[in-house]
Amino acid sequence: MALEEGIITRTTGDTAFIRTRRTTACEGCSERHACHSMGNIKEIEIEVANPLGATAGDLVVVAFKTS
């Protein structure tokens, strides 16, 4: 399981978009298709469910399976 720290950039309904930094672990991750480049290869945006109601500017830690 991978853990990533990031910041909520925006929310829509029950979804949050988190900006985080790409790590070397991303290269072999089977879920890398869920991450979107932010124009900078070192930053990515992850779309996740937001059951806690986080808002833009919140700092978060996301855990997800890598296989």
Protein backbone atom coordinates (compact mmCIF):
# COMPACT_ATOMS: atom_id res chain seq x y z
CA MET A 1 0.00 0.00 0.00
CA ALA A 2 1.25 3.46 -0.86
CA LEU A 3 0.81 6.65 1.13
CA GLU A 4 0.92 10.07 -0.52
CA GLU A 5 0.72 13.49 1.10
CA GLY A 6 -0.92 16.27 -0.82
CA ILE A 7 -3.21 19.28 -0.83
CA ILE A 8 -6.81 19.43 -1.98
CA THR A 9 -6.98 21.70 -5.03
CA ARG A 10 -10.74 21.49 -5.64
CA THR A 11 -13.81 19.40 -4.96
CA THR A 12 -16.85 18.45 -7.02
CA GLY A 13 -19.71 16.65 -5.31
CA ASP A 14 -18.28 13.61 -3.53
CA THR A 15 -14.88 13.88 -5.28
CA ALA A 16 -11.68 15.67 -4.30
CA PHE A 17 -8.66 16.45 -6.47
CA ILE A 18 -5.32 16.21 -4.66
CA ARG A 19 -2.04 17.70 -5.90
CA THR A 20 0.97 15.64 -4.89
CA ARG A 21 4.51 14.95 -6.07
CA ARG A 22 5.34 12.06 -8.39
CA THR A 23 7.76 9.57 -6.84
CA THR A 24 9.88 6.82 -8.38
CA ALA A 25 7.31 4.33 -7.07
CA CYS A 26 4.84 5.77 -9.61
CA GLU A 27 6.70 4.20 -12.54
CA GLY A 28 5.74 0.65 -11.61
CA CYS A 29 2.33 1.40 -10.11
CA SER A 30 -0.59 -0.36 -11.78
CA GLU A 31 -2.88 2.54 -10.76
CA ARG A 32 -0.79 5.27 -12.41
CA HIS A 33 -3.54 5.78 -15.03
CA ALA A 34 -5.66 7.40 -12.29
CA CYS A 35 -3.13 10.22 -11.86
CA HIS A 36 -3.06 13.25 -14.15
CA SER A 37 -0.02 15.38 -14.97
CA MET A 38 -0.20 18.98 -13.78
CA GLY A 39 1.99 20.21 -16.66
CA ASN A 40 4.99 19.55 -14.45
CA ILE A 41 6.21 15.96 -14.59
CA LYS A 42 7.00 16.09 -10.86
CA GLU A 43 3.48 17.05 -9.80
CA ILE A 44 0.36 14.98 -10.34
CA GLU A 45 -3.28 15.33 -9.53
CA ILE A 46 -5.18 12.40 -8.05
CA GLU A 47 -8.98 12.18 -8.15
CA VAL A 48 -10.37 10.46 -5.05
CA ALA A 49 -13.63 9.87 -3.22
CA ASN A 50 -14.23 12.52 -0.56
CA PRO A 51 -16.47 10.95 2.11
CA LEU A 52 -15.00 13.22 4.80
CA GLY A 53 -15.96 16.45 3.06
CA ALA A 54 -12.43 17.85 2.73
CA THR A 55 -12.22 21.28 1.09
CA ALA A 56 -9.72 23.12 -1.11
CA GLY A 57 -6.53 23.92 0.81
CA ASP A 58 -6.78 20.96 3.22
CA LEU A 59 -3.60 18.91 3.66
CA VAL A 60 -4.29 15.18 3.38
CA VAL A 61 -2.67 11.75 3.33
CA VAL A 62 -4.09 9.24 0.85
CA ALA A 63 -3.55 5.47 1.04
CA PHE A 64 -4.08 3.29 -2.02
CA LYS A 65 -3.23 -0.15 -3.36
CA THR A 66 -0.37 -0.35 -5.84
CA SER A 67 -1.07 -3.77 -7.28
